[in-house]
Amino acid sequence: MTSVRTSVSILLADDDPDDRLMLAEALEESRVLNDLATVEDGEELLEYLRCEGRYAGRDGGLPGLILLDLNMPRLDGREALEQIKNDPKLRRIPVVVLTTSKAEQDIFQTYDLGVNSFITKPVSFEGLVNIVSDLGRYWLEIVELPQPA
């Protein structure tokens, strides 16, 4: 892997603590050393992005990339995605769905809502490392991302 723009922060929304830990380890294993923040559901995701609730004192910087699970309690990923893409302050943040779902309906619905990519989580850690490495290369090295507001 060549140089990764480490200034681009990543926000992971996933309700499963094991999945959050595994993704953090996969990022480290693939040498994607960007700052990683995690939230447990769509409601917390929106609070983080809007600096509300428990995140009211946060500095307000937006992530450069959101990794989003679909099936979460309180506010699921589909609902959170819809709110993000309808908010003029948040809509430019690239959102990558990273989920266990392979349902065609989820794929169509999330693209209709404005998701940038849909990836089904692999079953093995090695598979996750490969995906994370490719994500890092694509989103953090190749594409031009809008500067966060």
Protein backbone atom coordinates (compact mmCIF):
# COMPACT_ATOMS: atom_id res chain seq x y z
CA MET A 1 0.00 0.00 0.00
CA THR A 2 1.31 3.45 -0.85
CA SER A 3 0.73 6.59 1.16
CA VAL A 4 -2.75 6.91 2.60
CA ARG A 5 -4.22 10.30 3.40
CA THR A 6 -4.34 9.86 7.16
CA SER A 7 -6.06 13.22 7.56
CA VAL A 8 -9.30 11.62 6.38
CA SER A 9 -11.15 10.30 9.42
CA ILE A 10 -13.45 7.28 9.30
CA LEU A 11 -16.69 6.89 11.23
CA LEU A 12 -18.00 3.35 11.73
CA ALA A 13 -21.65 2.79 12.68
CA ASP A 14 -22.20 -0.81 13.79
CA ASP A 15 -24.14 -2.18 16.76
CA ASP A 16 -21.99 -5.30 17.14
CA PRO A 17 -18.95 -4.67 19.40
CA ASP A 18 -17.12 -7.68 17.92
CA ASP A 19 -17.61 -6.33 14.39
CA ARG A 20 -16.35 -2.88 15.47
CA LEU A 21 -13.25 -4.45 17.03
CA MET A 22 -12.63 -6.71 14.04
CA LEU A 23 -12.90 -3.77 11.64
CA ALA A 24 -10.46 -1.70 13.74
CA GLU A 25 -8.02 -4.63 13.71
CA ALA A 26 -8.48 -5.09 9.95
CA LEU A 27 -7.71 -1.39 9.40
CA GLU A 28 -4.55 -1.75 11.44
CA GLU A 29 -3.57 -4.98 9.68
CA SER A 30 -3.96 -3.32 6.28
CA ARG A 31 -2.03 -0.25 7.46
CA VAL A 32 -4.95 2.12 7.09
CA LEU A 33 -3.96 4.32 10.02
CA ASN A 34 -6.69 6.94 9.73
CA ASP A 35 -8.52 8.09 12.83
CA LEU A 36 -11.46 5.80 13.50
CA ALA A 37 -14.49 6.79 15.55
CA THR A 38 -17.29 4.34 16.26
CA VAL A 39 -20.98 4.63 17.11
CA GLU A 40 -23.48 1.89 17.94
CA ASP A 41 -26.59 2.81 15.95
CA GLY A 42 -28.08 5.29 13.50
CA GLU A 43 -29.32 7.63 16.20
CA GLU A 44 -25.86 7.91 17.73
CA LEU A 45 -24.40 8.34 14.23
CA LEU A 46 -26.58 11.39 13.59
CA GLU A 47 -25.81 12.82 17.04
CA TYR A 48 -22.10 12.45 16.29
CA LEU A 49 -22.38 14.11 12.87
CA ARG A 50 -24.56 16.95 14.18
CA CYS A 51 -22.59 17.38 17.46
CA GLU A 52 -25.75 16.79 19.49
CA GLY A 53 -26.57 14.76 22.62
CA ARG A 54 -23.49 13.13 24.11
CA TYR A 55 -21.43 14.65 21.27
CA ALA A 56 -22.48 18.26 21.93
CA GLY A 57 -18.93 19.13 23.06
CA ARG A 58 -17.22 17.47 20.10
CA ASP A 59 -15.03 19.70 17.93
CA GLY A 60 -17.50 19.45 15.06
CA GLY A 61 -15.17 18.07 12.38
CA LEU A 62 -16.93 15.73 9.98
CA PRO A 63 -15.53 12.35 8.95
CA GLY A 64 -14.24 11.90 5.44
CA LEU A 65 -15.87 8.46 5.15
CA ILE A 66 -18.73 6.65 6.90
CA LEU A 67 -18.86 2.85 7.12
CA LEU A 68 -22.46 1.94 7.84
CA ASP A 69 -24.10 -1.27 9.01
CA LEU A 70 -27.76 -1.60 8.00
CA ASN A 71 -29.38 -3.62 10.77
CA MET A 72 -29.03 -1.63 13.99
CA PRO A 73 -31.39 -0.85 16.86
CA ARG A 74 -33.14 2.48 17.46
CA LEU A 75 -32.47 3.95 14.00
CA ASP A 76 -31.27 1.50 11.38
CA GLY A 77 -28.70 2.22 8.69
CA ARG A 78 -31.27 2.82 5.95
CA GLU A 79 -33.02 5.53 7.98
CA ALA A 80 -29.72 7.11 9.01
CA LEU A 81 -28.51 7.07 5.39
CA GLU A 82 -31.68 8.80 4.24
CA GLN A 83 -31.23 11.56 6.84
CA ILE A 84 -27.53 12.00 5.98
CA LYS A 85 -28.19 12.30 2.25
CA ASN A 86 -31.08 14.74 2.83
CA ASP A 87 -28.97 17.04 5.05
CA PRO A 88 -27.07 19.70 3.04
CA LYS A 89 -24.28 19.74 5.65
CA LEU A 90 -23.78 15.94 5.58
CA ARG A 91 -24.77 14.72 2.10
CA ARG A 92 -21.29 14.98 0.58
CA ILE A 93 -19.76 12.55 3.07
CA PRO A 94 -19.18 9.27 1.23
CA VAL A 95 -21.12 6.42 2.84
CA VAL A 96 -20.15 2.80 2.33
CA VAL A 97 -22.62 0.20 3.53
CA LEU A 98 -20.76 -2.69 5.16
CA THR A 99 -23.33 -5.29 6.15
CA THR A 100 -24.06 -9.00 6.36
CA SER A 101 -27.09 -8.49 4.09
CA LYS A 102 -27.02 -9.79 0.55
CA ALA A 103 -30.67 -8.91 -0.04
CA GLU A 104 -31.28 -7.36 -3.43
CA GLN A 105 -33.89 -5.07 -1.84
CA ASP A 106 -31.25 -3.64 0.54
CA ILE A 107 -28.86 -3.04 -2.35
CA PHE A 108 -31.49 -1.24 -4.44
CA GLN A 109 -32.87 0.74 -1.51
CA THR A 110 -29.51 1.98 -0.27
CA TYR A 111 -28.38 3.05 -3.74
CA ASP A 112 -31.73 4.81 -4.20
CA LEU A 113 -31.02 6.64 -0.92
CA GLY A 114 -27.61 7.75 -2.16
CA VAL A 115 -25.09 5.26 -0.76
CA ASN A 116 -21.70 5.38 -2.48
CA SER A 117 -20.91 1.66 -2.20
CA PHE A 118 -22.55 -1.52 -0.87
CA ILE A 119 -20.28 -4.26 0.47
CA THR A 120 -21.30 -7.54 2.06
CA LYS A 121 -19.11 -8.33 5.07
CA PRO A 122 -16.89 -11.33 4.45
CA VAL A 123 -17.04 -14.25 6.86
CA SER A 124 -13.29 -14.43 7.52
CA PHE A 125 -10.92 -11.92 9.09
CA GLU A 126 -8.57 -12.32 6.11
CA GLY A 127 -11.45 -11.41 3.79
CA LEU A 128 -12.21 -8.33 5.89
CA VAL A 129 -8.55 -7.27 5.79
CA ASN A 130 -8.60 -7.56 1.99
CA ILE A 131 -11.77 -5.49 1.71
CA VAL A 132 -10.50 -2.85 4.14
CA SER A 133 -7.22 -2.64 2.24
CA ASP A 134 -9.10 -2.10 -1.02
CA LEU A 135 -11.42 0.44 0.64
CA GLY A 136 -8.42 2.31 2.00
CA ARG A 137 -6.70 2.32 -1.34
CA TYR A 138 -9.79 3.49 -3.21
CA TRP A 139 -11.33 6.01 -0.79
CA LEU A 140 -8.14 7.34 0.79
CA GLU A 141 -5.63 7.23 -2.07
CA ILE A 142 -7.42 7.30 -5.42
CA VAL A 143 -10.60 9.38 -5.24
CA GLU A 144 -10.79 13.09 -4.53
CA LEU A 145 -12.97 13.66 -1.49
CA PRO A 146 -14.74 16.93 -0.73
CA GLN A 147 -13.21 18.85 2.15
CA PRO A 148 -15.37 18.53 5.28
CA ALA A 149 -17.27 21.69 6.20
